[in-house]
């Protein structure tokens, strides 16, 4: 959801983290899913990274709404490879 607030993102992350935590979820692939959820939360909870991701979605969307290229491909086409530190 593109217009999710930081509070919404945080609530969803905690819900998924609780459900997918390897100590509680014995489902195969739970650890990998937890790592993916944590990585997504790390990016989406950072306003700069979320802004870049939102721009990626806006610039790479196709008719069916799915990105035409991966985020890493899109990022490589930009003039940056790393975000400058926020001071």
PDB file of N, CA and C in Angstrom:
ATOM      1  N   UNK A   1       0.861  -1.170   0.000  1.00  0.00           N
ATOM      2  CA  UNK A   1       0.000   0.000   0.000  1.00  0.00           C
ATOM      3  C   UNK A   1       0.904   1.228   0.000  1.00  0.00           C
ATOM      4  N   UNK A   2       0.850   2.019  -1.081  1.00  0.00           N
ATOM      5  CA  UNK A   2       1.752   3.157  -1.247  1.00  0.00           C
ATOM      6  C   UNK A   2       1.557   4.252  -0.218  1.00  0.00           C
ATOM      7  N   UNK A   3       0.371   4.454   0.263  1.00  0.00           N
ATOM      8  CA  UNK A   3       0.109   5.575   1.164  1.00  0.00           C
ATOM      9  C   UNK A   3       0.076   5.145   2.637  1.00  0.00           C
ATOM     10  N   UNK A   4       0.705   4.041   2.958  1.00  0.00           N
ATOM     11  CA  UNK A   4       0.720   3.563   4.346  1.00  0.00           C
ATOM     12  C   UNK A   4       1.559   4.496   5.208  1.00  0.00           C
ATOM     13  N   UNK A   5       1.054   4.799   6.377  1.00  0.00           N
ATOM     14  CA  UNK A   5       1.793   5.652   7.309  1.00  0.00           C
ATOM     15  C   UNK A   5       2.864   4.816   8.007  1.00  0.00           C
ATOM     16  N   UNK A   6       3.804   5.499   8.647  1.00  0.00           N
ATOM     17  CA  UNK A   6       4.839   4.800   9.391  1.00  0.00           C
ATOM     18  C   UNK A   6       4.221   3.937  10.493  1.00  0.00           C
ATOM     19  N   UNK A   7       3.156   4.438  11.107  1.00  0.00           N
ATOM     20  CA  UNK A   7       2.462   3.666  12.145  1.00  0.00           C
ATOM     21  C   UNK A   7       1.879   2.380  11.563  1.00  0.00           C
ATOM     22  N   UNK A   8       1.238   2.472  10.377  1.00  0.00           N
ATOM     23  CA  UNK A   8       0.673   1.283   9.721  1.00  0.00           C
ATOM     24  C   UNK A   8       1.763   0.271   9.373  1.00  0.00           C
ATOM     25  N   UNK A   9       2.882   0.785   8.873  1.00  0.00           N
ATOM     26  CA  UNK A   9       3.999  -0.086   8.498  1.00  0.00           C
ATOM     27  C   UNK A   9       4.529  -0.808   9.736  1.00  0.00           C
ATOM     28  N   UNK A  10       4.679  -0.065  10.824  1.00  0.00           N
ATOM     29  CA  UNK A  10       5.195  -0.637  12.066  1.00  0.00           C
ATOM     30  C   UNK A  10       4.249  -1.701  12.623  1.00  0.00           C
ATOM     31  N   UNK A  11       2.948  -1.417  12.623  1.00  0.00           N
ATOM     32  CA  UNK A  11       1.971  -2.386  13.126  1.00  0.00           C
ATOM     33  C   UNK A  11       1.987  -3.671  12.297  1.00  0.00           C
ATOM     34  N   UNK A  12       2.046  -3.533  10.984  1.00  0.00           N
ATOM     35  CA  UNK A  12       2.067  -4.707  10.114  1.00  0.00           C
ATOM     36  C   UNK A  12       3.354  -5.510  10.310  1.00  0.00           C
ATOM     37  N   UNK A  13       4.477  -4.794  10.455  1.00  0.00           N
ATOM     38  CA  UNK A  13       5.738  -5.484  10.691  1.00  0.00           C
ATOM     39  C   UNK A  13       5.683  -6.302  11.975  1.00  0.00           C
ATOM     40  N   UNK A  14       5.224  -5.688  13.062  1.00  0.00           N
ATOM     41  CA  UNK A  14       5.169  -6.412  14.334  1.00  0.00           C
ATOM     42  C   UNK A  14       4.224  -7.604  14.265  1.00  0.00           C
ATOM     43  N   UNK A  15       3.145  -7.463  13.537  1.00  0.00           N
ATOM     44  CA  UNK A  15       2.207  -8.573  13.368  1.00  0.00           C
ATOM     45  C   UNK A  15       2.866  -9.728  12.606  1.00  0.00           C
ATOM     46  N   UNK A  16       3.517  -9.396  11.493  1.00  0.00           N
ATOM     47  CA  UNK A  16       4.185 -10.431  10.698  1.00  0.00           C
ATOM     48  C   UNK A  16       5.363 -11.036  11.453  1.00  0.00           C
ATOM     49  N   UNK A  17       6.119 -10.196  12.157  1.00  0.00           N
ATOM     50  CA  UNK A  17       7.270 -10.693  12.915  1.00  0.00           C
ATOM     51  C   UNK A  17       6.821 -11.670  13.999  1.00  0.00           C
ATOM     52  N   UNK A  18       5.726 -11.354  14.644  1.00  0.00           N
ATOM     53  CA  UNK A  18       5.196 -12.250  15.684  1.00  0.00           C
ATOM     54  C   UNK A  18       4.774 -13.589  15.060  1.00  0.00           C
ATOM     55  N   UNK A  19       4.121 -13.522  13.899  1.00  0.00           N
ATOM     56  CA  UNK A  19       3.626 -14.750  13.259  1.00  0.00           C
ATOM     57  C   UNK A  19       4.739 -15.584  12.628  1.00  0.00           C
ATOM     58  N   UNK A  20       5.793 -14.931  12.125  1.00  0.00           N
ATOM     59  CA  UNK A  20       6.831 -15.643  11.380  1.00  0.00           C
ATOM     60  C   UNK A  20       8.099 -15.915  12.176  1.00  0.00           C
ATOM     61  N   UNK A  21       8.171 -15.455  13.403  1.00  0.00           N
ATOM     62  CA  UNK A  21       9.399 -15.637  14.170  1.00  0.00           C
ATOM     63  C   UNK A  21       9.748 -17.118  14.240  1.00  0.00           C
ATOM     64  N   UNK A  22      10.994 -17.469  13.909  1.00  0.00           N
ATOM     65  CA  UNK A  22      11.388 -18.889  13.870  1.00  0.00           C
ATOM     66  C   UNK A  22      11.181 -19.651  15.184  1.00  0.00           C
ATOM     67  N   UNK A  23      11.202 -18.959  16.310  1.00  0.00           N
ATOM     68  CA  UNK A  23      10.971 -19.634  17.588  1.00  0.00           C
ATOM     69  C   UNK A  23       9.506 -20.020  17.774  1.00  0.00           C
ATOM     70  N   UNK A  24       8.613 -19.378  17.047  1.00  0.00           N
ATOM     71  CA  UNK A  24       7.178 -19.654  17.196  1.00  0.00           C
ATOM     72  C   UNK A  24       6.570 -20.347  15.983  1.00  0.00           C
ATOM     73  N   UNK A  25       7.114 -20.079  14.813  1.00  0.00           N
ATOM     74  CA  UNK A  25       6.556 -20.627  13.568  1.00  0.00           C
ATOM     75  C   UNK A  25       7.452 -21.758  13.070  1.00  0.00           C
ATOM     76  N   UNK A  26       6.893 -22.935  13.008  1.00  0.00           N
ATOM     77  CA  UNK A  26       7.661 -24.107  12.552  1.00  0.00           C
ATOM     78  C   UNK A  26       7.477 -24.360  11.057  1.00  0.00           C
ATOM     79  N   UNK A  27       6.794 -23.458  10.367  1.00  0.00           N
ATOM     80  CA  UNK A  27       6.571 -23.596   8.933  1.00  0.00           C
ATOM     81  C   UNK A  27       7.908 -23.566   8.181  1.00  0.00           C
ATOM     82  N   UNK A  28       8.032 -24.406   7.178  1.00  0.00           N
ATOM     83  CA  UNK A  28       9.241 -24.404   6.369  1.00  0.00           C
ATOM     84  C   UNK A  28       9.353 -23.054   5.664  1.00  0.00           C
ATOM     85  N   UNK A  29      10.517 -22.449   5.727  1.00  0.00           N
ATOM     86  CA  UNK A  29      10.739 -21.160   5.093  1.00  0.00           C
ATOM     87  C   UNK A  29      10.407 -19.967   5.972  1.00  0.00           C
ATOM     88  N   UNK A  30      10.046 -20.211   7.226  1.00  0.00           N
ATOM     89  CA  UNK A  30       9.690 -19.113   8.133  1.00  0.00           C
ATOM     90  C   UNK A  30      10.876 -18.193   8.381  1.00  0.00           C
ATOM     91  N   UNK A  31      12.044 -18.762   8.520  1.00  0.00           N
ATOM     92  CA  UNK A  31      13.228 -17.930   8.784  1.00  0.00           C
ATOM     93  C   UNK A  31      13.524 -17.017   7.603  1.00  0.00           C
ATOM     94  N   UNK A  32      13.433 -17.558   6.394  1.00  0.00           N
ATOM     95  CA  UNK A  32      13.650 -16.754   5.197  1.00  0.00           C
ATOM     96  C   UNK A  32      12.586 -15.664   5.055  1.00  0.00           C
ATOM     97  N   UNK A  33      11.347 -16.018   5.339  1.00  0.00           N
ATOM     98  CA  UNK A  33      10.257 -15.041   5.276  1.00  0.00           C
ATOM     99  C   UNK A  33      10.465 -13.941   6.309  1.00  0.00           C
ATOM    100  N   UNK A  34      10.925 -14.308   7.494  1.00  0.00           N
ATOM    101  CA  UNK A  34      11.192 -13.329   8.542  1.00  0.00           C
ATOM    102  C   UNK A  34      12.300 -12.373   8.120  1.00  0.00           C
ATOM    103  N   UNK A  35      13.321 -12.886   7.470  1.00  0.00           N
ATOM    104  CA  UNK A  35      14.415 -12.046   6.985  1.00  0.00           C
ATOM    105  C   UNK A  35      13.912 -11.071   5.922  1.00  0.00           C
ATOM    106  N   UNK A  36      13.043 -11.532   5.047  1.00  0.00           N
ATOM    107  CA  UNK A  36      12.472 -10.657   4.016  1.00  0.00           C
ATOM    108  C   UNK A  36      11.610  -9.560   4.626  1.00  0.00           C
ATOM    109  N   UNK A  37      10.799  -9.925   5.606  1.00  0.00           N
ATOM    110  CA  UNK A  37       9.936  -8.953   6.288  1.00  0.00           C
ATOM    111  C   UNK A  37      10.784  -7.912   7.011  1.00  0.00           C
ATOM    112  N   UNK A  38      11.853  -8.352   7.660  1.00  0.00           N
ATOM    113  CA  UNK A  38      12.730  -7.435   8.381  1.00  0.00           C
ATOM    114  C   UNK A  38      13.445  -6.487   7.421  1.00  0.00           C
ATOM    115  N   UNK A  39      13.896  -6.996   6.287  1.00  0.00           N
ATOM    116  CA  UNK A  39      14.553  -6.149   5.291  1.00  0.00           C
ATOM    117  C   UNK A  39      13.577  -5.115   4.729  1.00  0.00           C
ATOM    118  N   UNK A  40      12.360  -5.540   4.461  1.00  0.00           N
ATOM    119  CA  UNK A  40      11.346  -4.613   3.943  1.00  0.00           C
ATOM    120  C   UNK A  40      11.035  -3.536   4.980  1.00  0.00           C
ATOM    121  N   UNK A  41      10.901  -3.933   6.236  1.00  0.00           N
ATOM    122  CA  UNK A  41      10.619  -2.959   7.294  1.00  0.00           C
ATOM    123  C   UNK A  41      11.770  -1.963   7.431  1.00  0.00           C
ATOM    124  N   UNK A  42      12.981  -2.449   7.318  1.00  0.00           N
ATOM    125  CA  UNK A  42      14.155  -1.586   7.417  1.00  0.00           C
ATOM    126  C   UNK A  42      14.121  -0.491   6.356  1.00  0.00           C
ATOM    127  N   UNK A  43      13.710  -0.841   5.161  1.00  0.00           N
ATOM    128  CA  UNK A  43      13.628   0.151   4.079  1.00  0.00           C
ATOM    129  C   UNK A  43      12.404   1.039   4.207  1.00  0.00           C
ATOM    130  N   UNK A  44      11.260   0.447   4.490  1.00  0.00           N
ATOM    131  CA  UNK A  44      10.020   1.227   4.502  1.00  0.00           C
ATOM    132  C   UNK A  44       9.867   2.113   5.731  1.00  0.00           C
ATOM    133  N   UNK A  45      10.596   1.822   6.788  1.00  0.00           N
ATOM    134  CA  UNK A  45      10.508   2.669   7.979  1.00  0.00           C
ATOM    135  C   UNK A  45      11.477   3.855   7.897  1.00  0.00           C
ATOM    136  N   UNK A  46      12.343   3.852   6.900  1.00  0.00           N
ATOM    137  CA  UNK A  46      13.270   4.957   6.667  1.00  0.00           C
ATOM    138  C   UNK A  46      12.650   5.859   5.603  1.00  0.00           C
ATOM    139  N   UNK A  47      12.320   7.115   5.935  1.00  0.00           N
ATOM    140  CA  UNK A  47      11.635   7.993   4.975  1.00  0.00           C
ATOM    141  C   UNK A  47      12.386   8.191   3.652  1.00  0.00           C
ATOM    142  N   UNK A  48      13.712   8.244   3.697  1.00  0.00           N
ATOM    143  CA  UNK A  48      14.489   8.425   2.464  1.00  0.00           C
ATOM    144  C   UNK A  48      14.384   7.183   1.589  1.00  0.00           C
ATOM    145  N   UNK A  49      14.591   6.015   2.191  1.00  0.00           N
ATOM    146  CA  UNK A  49      14.511   4.773   1.424  1.00  0.00           C
ATOM    147  C   UNK A  49      13.092   4.517   0.925  1.00  0.00           C
ATOM    148  N   UNK A  50      12.093   4.841   1.747  1.00  0.00           N
ATOM    149  CA  UNK A  50      10.700   4.668   1.316  1.00  0.00           C
ATOM    150  C   UNK A  50      10.395   5.574   0.130  1.00  0.00           C
ATOM    151  N   UNK A  51      10.909   6.801   0.166  1.00  0.00           N
ATOM    152  CA  UNK A  51      10.723   7.725  -0.955  1.00  0.00           C
ATOM    153  C   UNK A  51      11.334   7.188  -2.235  1.00  0.00           C
ATOM    154  N   UNK A  52      12.522   6.612  -2.124  1.00  0.00           N
ATOM    155  CA  UNK A  52      13.158   6.019  -3.305  1.00  0.00           C
ATOM    156  C   UNK A  52      12.347   4.841  -3.820  1.00  0.00           C
ATOM    157  N   UNK A  53      11.867   4.008  -2.910  1.00  0.00           N
ATOM    158  CA  UNK A  53      11.068   2.857  -3.330  1.00  0.00           C
ATOM    159  C   UNK A  53       9.769   3.310  -3.998  1.00  0.00           C
ATOM    160  N   UNK A  54       9.121   4.315  -3.421  1.00  0.00           N
ATOM    161  CA  UNK A  54       7.890   4.835  -4.027  1.00  0.00           C
ATOM    162  C   UNK A  54       8.166   5.383  -5.426  1.00  0.00           C
ATOM    163  N   UNK A  55       9.314   6.061  -5.579  1.00  0.00           N
ATOM    164  CA  UNK A  55       9.687   6.584  -6.902  1.00  0.00           C
ATOM    165  C   UNK A  55       9.934   5.434  -7.879  1.00  0.00           C
ATOM    166  N   UNK A  56      10.592   4.387  -7.406  1.00  0.00           N
ATOM    167  CA  UNK A  56      10.820   3.202  -8.236  1.00  0.00           C
ATOM    168  C   UNK A  56       9.502   2.616  -8.728  1.00  0.00           C
ATOM    169  N   UNK A  57       8.550   2.463  -7.825  1.00  0.00           N
ATOM    170  CA  UNK A  57       7.245   1.909  -8.203  1.00  0.00           C
ATOM    171  C   UNK A  57       6.574   2.805  -9.241  1.00  0.00           C
ATOM    172  N   UNK A  58       6.613   4.112  -9.036  1.00  0.00           N
ATOM    173  CA  UNK A  58       5.972   5.050  -9.960  1.00  0.00           C
ATOM    174  C   UNK A  58       6.636   5.030 -11.334  1.00  0.00           C
ATOM    175  N   UNK A  59       7.948   4.917 -11.377  1.00  0.00           N
ATOM    176  CA  UNK A  59       8.675   4.981 -12.646  1.00  0.00           C
ATOM    177  C   UNK A  59       8.718   3.656 -13.392  1.00  0.00           C
ATOM    178  N   UNK A  60       8.582   2.548 -12.703  1.00  0.00           N
ATOM    179  CA  UNK A  60       8.757   1.261 -13.377  1.00  0.00           C
ATOM    180  C   UNK A  60       7.465   0.468 -13.534  1.00  0.00           C
ATOM    181  N   UNK A  61       6.344   1.051 -13.152  1.00  0.00           N
ATOM    182  CA  UNK A  61       5.073   0.315 -13.248  1.00  0.00           C
ATOM    183  C   UNK A  61       4.681   0.098 -14.713  1.00  0.00           C
ATOM    184  N   UNK A  62       4.097  -1.042 -14.965  1.00  0.00           N
ATOM    185  CA  UNK A  62       3.586  -1.351 -16.287  1.00  0.00           C
ATOM    186  C   UNK A  62       2.065  -1.253 -16.242  1.00  0.00           C
ATOM    187  N   UNK A  63       1.426  -1.627 -17.322  1.00  0.00           N
ATOM    188  CA  UNK A  63      -0.030  -1.538 -17.406  1.00  0.00           C
ATOM    189  C   UNK A  63      -0.716  -2.372 -16.327  1.00  0.00           C
ATOM    190  N   UNK A  64      -0.182  -3.547 -16.036  1.00  0.00           N
ATOM    191  CA  UNK A  64      -0.810  -4.418 -15.037  1.00  0.00           C
ATOM    192  C   UNK A  64      -0.424  -4.056 -13.605  1.00  0.00           C
ATOM    193  N   UNK A  65       0.383  -3.019 -13.429  1.00  0.00           N
ATOM    194  CA  UNK A  65       0.725  -2.550 -12.096  1.00  0.00           C
ATOM    195  C   UNK A  65       1.947  -3.198 -11.480  1.00  0.00           C
ATOM    196  N   UNK A  66       2.507  -4.176 -12.140  1.00  0.00           N
ATOM    197  CA  UNK A  66       3.717  -4.826 -11.634  1.00  0.00           C
ATOM    198  C   UNK A  66       4.946  -4.099 -12.180  1.00  0.00           C
ATOM    199  N   UNK A  67       6.003  -3.981 -11.361  1.00  0.00           N
ATOM    200  CA  UNK A  67       7.222  -3.326 -11.844  1.00  0.00           C
ATOM    201  C   UNK A  67       7.816  -4.069 -13.036  1.00  0.00           C
ATOM    202  N   UNK A  68       8.283  -3.296 -14.010  1.00  0.00           N
ATOM    203  CA  UNK A  68       8.869  -3.887 -15.210  1.00  0.00           C
ATOM    204  C   UNK A  68      10.280  -4.412 -14.941  1.00  0.00           C
ATOM    205  N   UNK A  69      10.964  -3.810 -13.963  1.00  0.00           N
ATOM    206  CA  UNK A  69      12.311  -4.232 -13.607  1.00  0.00           C
ATOM    207  C   UNK A  69      12.401  -4.361 -12.089  1.00  0.00           C
ATOM    208  N   UNK A  70      13.417  -5.072 -11.637  1.00  0.00           N
ATOM    209  CA  UNK A  70      13.594  -5.224 -10.191  1.00  0.00           C
ATOM    210  C   UNK A  70      14.121  -3.925  -9.593  1.00  0.00           C
ATOM    211  N   UNK A  71      13.979  -3.799  -8.286  1.00  0.00           N
ATOM    212  CA  UNK A  71      14.459  -2.596  -7.606  1.00  0.00           C
ATOM    213  C   UNK A  71      15.957  -2.441  -7.797  1.00  0.00           C
ATOM    214  N   UNK A  72      16.712  -3.532  -7.713  1.00  0.00           N
ATOM    215  CA  UNK A  72      18.169  -3.435  -7.865  1.00  0.00           C
ATOM    216  C   UNK A  72      18.550  -2.984  -9.270  1.00  0.00           C
ATOM    217  N   UNK A  73      17.813  -3.438 -10.297  1.00  0.00           N
ATOM    218  CA  UNK A  73      18.066  -2.964 -11.658  1.00  0.00           C
ATOM    219  C   UNK A  73      17.760  -1.472 -11.782  1.00  0.00           C
ATOM    220  N   UNK A  74      16.632  -1.052 -11.207  1.00  0.00           N
ATOM    221  CA  UNK A  74      16.259   0.355 -11.244  1.00  0.00           C
ATOM    222  C   UNK A  74      17.307   1.208 -10.543  1.00  0.00           C
ATOM    223  N   UNK A  75      17.737   0.762  -9.365  1.00  0.00           N
ATOM    224  CA  UNK A  75      18.722   1.509  -8.592  1.00  0.00           C
ATOM    225  C   UNK A  75      20.027   1.631  -9.365  1.00  0.00           C
ATOM    226  N   UNK A  76      20.433   0.562 -10.062  1.00  0.00           N
ATOM    227  CA  UNK A  76      21.677   0.590 -10.841  1.00  0.00           C
ATOM    228  C   UNK A  76      21.602   1.605 -11.972  1.00  0.00           C
ATOM    229  N   UNK A  77      20.429   1.862 -12.497  1.00  0.00           N
ATOM    230  CA  UNK A  77      20.257   2.848 -13.568  1.00  0.00           C
ATOM    231  C   UNK A  77      20.299   4.282 -13.055  1.00  0.00           C
ATOM    232  N   UNK A  78      20.161   4.445 -11.763  1.00  0.00           N
ATOM    233  CA  UNK A  78      20.220   5.778 -11.169  1.00  0.00           C
ATOM    234  C   UNK A  78      21.686   6.197 -11.034  1.00  0.00           C
ATOM    235  N   UNK A  79      21.909   7.434 -10.692  1.00  0.00           N
ATOM    236  CA  UNK A  79      23.284   7.937 -10.581  1.00  0.00           C
ATOM    237  C   UNK A  79      23.904   7.648  -9.224  1.00  0.00           C
ATOM    238  N   UNK A  80      23.251   6.824  -8.407  1.00  0.00           N
ATOM    239  CA  UNK A  80      23.761   6.510  -7.085  1.00  0.00           C
ATOM    240  C   UNK A  80      23.783   5.013  -6.877  1.00  0.00           C
ATOM    241  N   UNK A  81      24.628   4.581  -5.972  1.00  0.00           N
ATOM    242  CA  UNK A  81      24.606   3.189  -5.568  1.00  0.00           C
ATOM    243  C   UNK A  81      24.382   3.092  -4.065  1.00  0.00           C
ATOM    244  N   UNK A  82      24.681   4.170  -3.355  1.00  0.00           N
ATOM    245  CA  UNK A  82      24.465   4.194  -1.916  1.00  0.00           C
ATOM    246  C   UNK A  82      23.817   5.533  -1.540  1.00  0.00           C
ATOM    247  N   UNK A  83      23.048   5.508  -0.518  1.00  0.00           N
ATOM    248  CA  UNK A  83      22.459   6.742  -0.026  1.00  0.00           C
ATOM    249  C   UNK A  83      23.488   7.494   0.786  1.00  0.00           C
ATOM    250  N   UNK A  84      23.527   8.823   0.662  1.00  0.00           N
ATOM    251  CA  UNK A  84      24.465   9.570   1.495  1.00  0.00           C
ATOM    252  C   UNK A  84      24.006   9.502   2.953  1.00  0.00           C
ATOM    253  N   UNK A  85      24.945   9.601   3.872  1.00  0.00           N
ATOM    254  CA  UNK A  85      24.545   9.553   5.282  1.00  0.00           C
ATOM    255  C   UNK A  85      23.700  10.766   5.653  1.00  0.00           C
ATOM    256  N   UNK A  86      22.751  10.546   6.518  1.00  0.00           N
ATOM    257  CA  UNK A  86      21.907  11.643   7.002  1.00  0.00           C
ATOM    258  C   UNK A  86      22.552  12.176   8.267  1.00  0.00           C
ATOM    259  N   UNK A  87      22.923  13.429   8.225  1.00  0.00           N
ATOM    260  CA  UNK A  87      23.603  14.034   9.378  1.00  0.00           C
ATOM    261  C   UNK A  87      22.646  14.824  10.215  1.00  0.00           C
TER     262      UNK A  87
END
